[in-house]
Amino acid sequence: AERCRKVGSDLFRQGEYSSALDMYTKAIECDPQNYILYTNRSFTYFKLKNYSKSVDDAQTAVLKNPSHAKVFGQSICSPLHPHSLPLLPLSTPPPPPLPSHSPSSSPSPLPLPLLSPPPPPLLSPSPLLL
């Protein structure tokens, strides 16, 4: 399992994500309790834009070792997966209607636009592989 992990990590660093995925899968077959292998494969799925499988492997790693923090970031950063946390709001509620002014009342200052806080920065998982 360790040899397959090392080869997978080398392939990942070279950008050979599909081959790295194969090596991490072989390593998991040899050592299915090793949470680091699931973490590495999760990040490889992320790079291949297979977000659903990325989150699944991240969750498996968390179940095997809940204190392993690296996978939490990967889970949160997988866009459009139903089990991940949203990075940005899916929709913005419409602003409330402006108060009406009658022509006989004294002029009032123009209403200020309603500003919402900026969205949080998009996070990306650390490329550091174990």
Protein backbone atom coordinates (compact mmCIF):
# COMPACT_ATOMS: atom_id res chain seq x y z
CA ALA A 1 0.00 0.00 0.00
CA GLU A 2 2.82 2.40 0.87
CA ARG A 3 4.56 1.85 -2.45
CA CYS A 4 1.33 2.50 -4.37
CA ARG A 5 0.77 5.67 -2.31
CA LYS A 6 4.24 6.98 -3.10
CA VAL A 7 3.87 6.24 -6.81
CA GLY A 8 0.41 7.86 -6.74
CA SER A 9 1.81 10.97 -5.07
CA ASP A 10 4.60 11.21 -7.65
CA LEU A 11 2.08 10.88 -10.48
CA PHE A 12 -0.16 13.49 -8.85
CA ARG A 13 2.71 15.98 -8.64
CA GLN A 14 3.35 15.43 -12.36
CA GLY A 15 -0.30 16.21 -13.12
CA GLU A 16 -1.08 12.61 -14.10
CA TYR A 17 -4.30 12.56 -12.10
CA SER A 18 -5.96 9.52 -13.73
CA SER A 19 -2.87 7.37 -13.15
CA ALA A 20 -2.52 8.69 -9.61
CA LEU A 21 -6.16 7.79 -8.99
CA ASP A 22 -5.47 4.20 -10.08
CA MET A 23 -2.51 3.94 -7.71
CA TYR A 24 -4.43 5.36 -4.73
CA THR A 25 -7.28 2.93 -5.45
CA LYS A 26 -4.82 0.02 -5.46
CA ALA A 27 -3.33 1.26 -2.19
CA ILE A 28 -6.81 1.43 -0.62
CA GLU A 29 -7.49 -2.14 -1.74
CA CYS A 30 -4.34 -3.20 0.15
CA ASP A 31 -4.99 -1.05 3.24
CA PRO A 32 -8.67 -0.01 3.47
CA GLN A 33 -8.27 1.41 6.99
CA ASN A 34 -5.65 4.00 6.00
CA TYR A 35 -7.48 7.35 6.06
CA ILE A 36 -4.57 9.16 4.36
CA LEU A 37 -5.13 7.11 1.21
CA TYR A 38 -8.76 8.24 1.10
CA THR A 39 -7.63 11.83 1.60
CA ASN A 40 -5.17 11.65 -1.27
CA ARG A 41 -7.68 9.97 -3.54
CA SER A 42 -10.28 12.57 -2.54
CA PHE A 43 -7.99 15.38 -3.65
CA THR A 44 -7.23 13.53 -6.88
CA TYR A 45 -10.96 13.22 -7.60
CA PHE A 46 -11.21 16.95 -6.86
CA LYS A 47 -8.52 17.74 -9.44
CA LEU A 48 -10.41 15.56 -11.94
CA LYS A 49 -13.58 17.57 -11.12
CA ASN A 50 -15.37 14.48 -9.86
CA TYR A 51 -16.70 16.36 -6.84
CA SER A 52 -19.17 13.72 -5.73
CA LYS A 53 -16.50 11.04 -5.34
CA SER A 54 -14.15 13.61 -3.81
CA VAL A 55 -16.65 14.30 -1.05
CA ASP A 56 -17.40 10.60 -0.58
CA ASP A 57 -13.72 9.79 -0.02
CA ALA A 58 -13.30 12.82 2.26
CA GLN A 59 -16.23 11.63 4.36
CA THR A 60 -14.78 8.11 4.50
CA ALA A 61 -11.48 9.56 5.72
CA VAL A 62 -13.33 11.54 8.40
CA LEU A 63 -15.14 8.40 9.56
CA LYS A 64 -11.85 6.53 9.80
CA ASN A 65 -10.11 9.39 11.63
CA PRO A 66 -12.37 12.27 12.77
CA SER A 67 -9.41 14.38 13.89
CA HIS A 68 -7.92 14.49 10.39
CA ALA A 69 -8.67 18.12 9.46
CA LYS A 70 -7.38 18.18 5.88
CA VAL A 71 -10.42 16.39 4.51
CA PHE A 72 -12.86 18.90 5.98
CA GLY A 73 -11.58 21.60 3.64
CA GLN A 74 -11.87 19.29 0.68
CA SER A 75 -15.47 18.45 1.57
CA ILE A 76 -16.45 22.07 1.96
CA CYS A 77 -14.75 23.12 -1.25
CA SER A 78 -16.38 20.60 -3.54
CA PRO A 79 -18.89 22.73 -5.42
CA LEU A 80 -22.35 21.54 -6.38
CA HIS A 81 -22.33 18.41 -4.25
CA PRO A 82 -25.51 17.98 -2.22
CA HIS A 83 -23.58 17.08 0.94
CA SER A 84 -21.07 19.90 0.78
CA LEU A 85 -21.47 23.31 2.33
CA PRO A 86 -22.35 26.03 -0.17
CA LEU A 87 -19.52 28.41 -0.96
CA LEU A 88 -21.81 31.19 -2.16
CA PRO A 89 -25.52 31.80 -1.68
CA LEU A 90 -27.54 30.14 -4.42
CA SER A 91 -29.80 33.16 -4.72
CA THR A 92 -29.99 36.64 -3.33
CA PRO A 93 -33.31 37.79 -1.90
CA PRO A 94 -34.77 40.88 -3.58
CA PRO A 95 -34.31 44.16 -1.76
CA PRO A 96 -37.27 45.50 0.20
CA PRO A 97 -39.45 48.04 -1.60
CA LEU A 98 -38.52 51.68 -1.22
CA PRO A 99 -40.85 53.82 0.89
CA SER A 100 -43.27 55.89 -1.13
CA HIS A 101 -43.09 59.66 -0.86
CA SER A 102 -46.01 61.96 -1.51
CA PRO A 103 -45.28 65.09 -3.55
CA SER A 104 -46.57 67.33 -0.74
CA SER A 105 -44.01 66.13 1.79
CA SER A 106 -40.67 67.79 2.15
CA PRO A 107 -37.87 66.41 0.02
CA SER A 108 -35.97 63.61 1.62
CA PRO A 109 -32.49 62.41 0.86
CA LEU A 110 -32.13 59.69 -1.69
CA PRO A 111 -32.26 56.23 -0.15
CA LEU A 112 -28.94 54.52 0.19
CA PRO A 113 -28.57 51.24 -1.66
CA LEU A 114 -28.75 48.15 0.49
CA LEU A 115 -25.36 46.53 0.64
CA SER A 116 -24.79 42.99 1.64
CA PRO A 117 -21.46 41.79 2.97
CA PRO A 118 -19.11 40.37 0.34
CA PRO A 119 -19.16 36.59 -0.05
CA PRO A 120 -16.45 34.67 1.77
CA PRO A 121 -13.33 33.95 -0.28
CA LEU A 122 -13.38 30.70 -2.20
CA LEU A 123 -11.22 28.16 -0.49
CA SER A 124 -9.25 25.51 -2.28
CA PRO A 125 -7.78 22.43 -0.68
CA SER A 126 -4.11 22.40 0.06
CA PRO A 127 -2.09 20.65 -2.65
CA LEU A 128 0.07 19.14 0.08
CA LEU A 129 -0.21 15.37 -0.13
CA LEU A 130 0.72 13.13 2.74
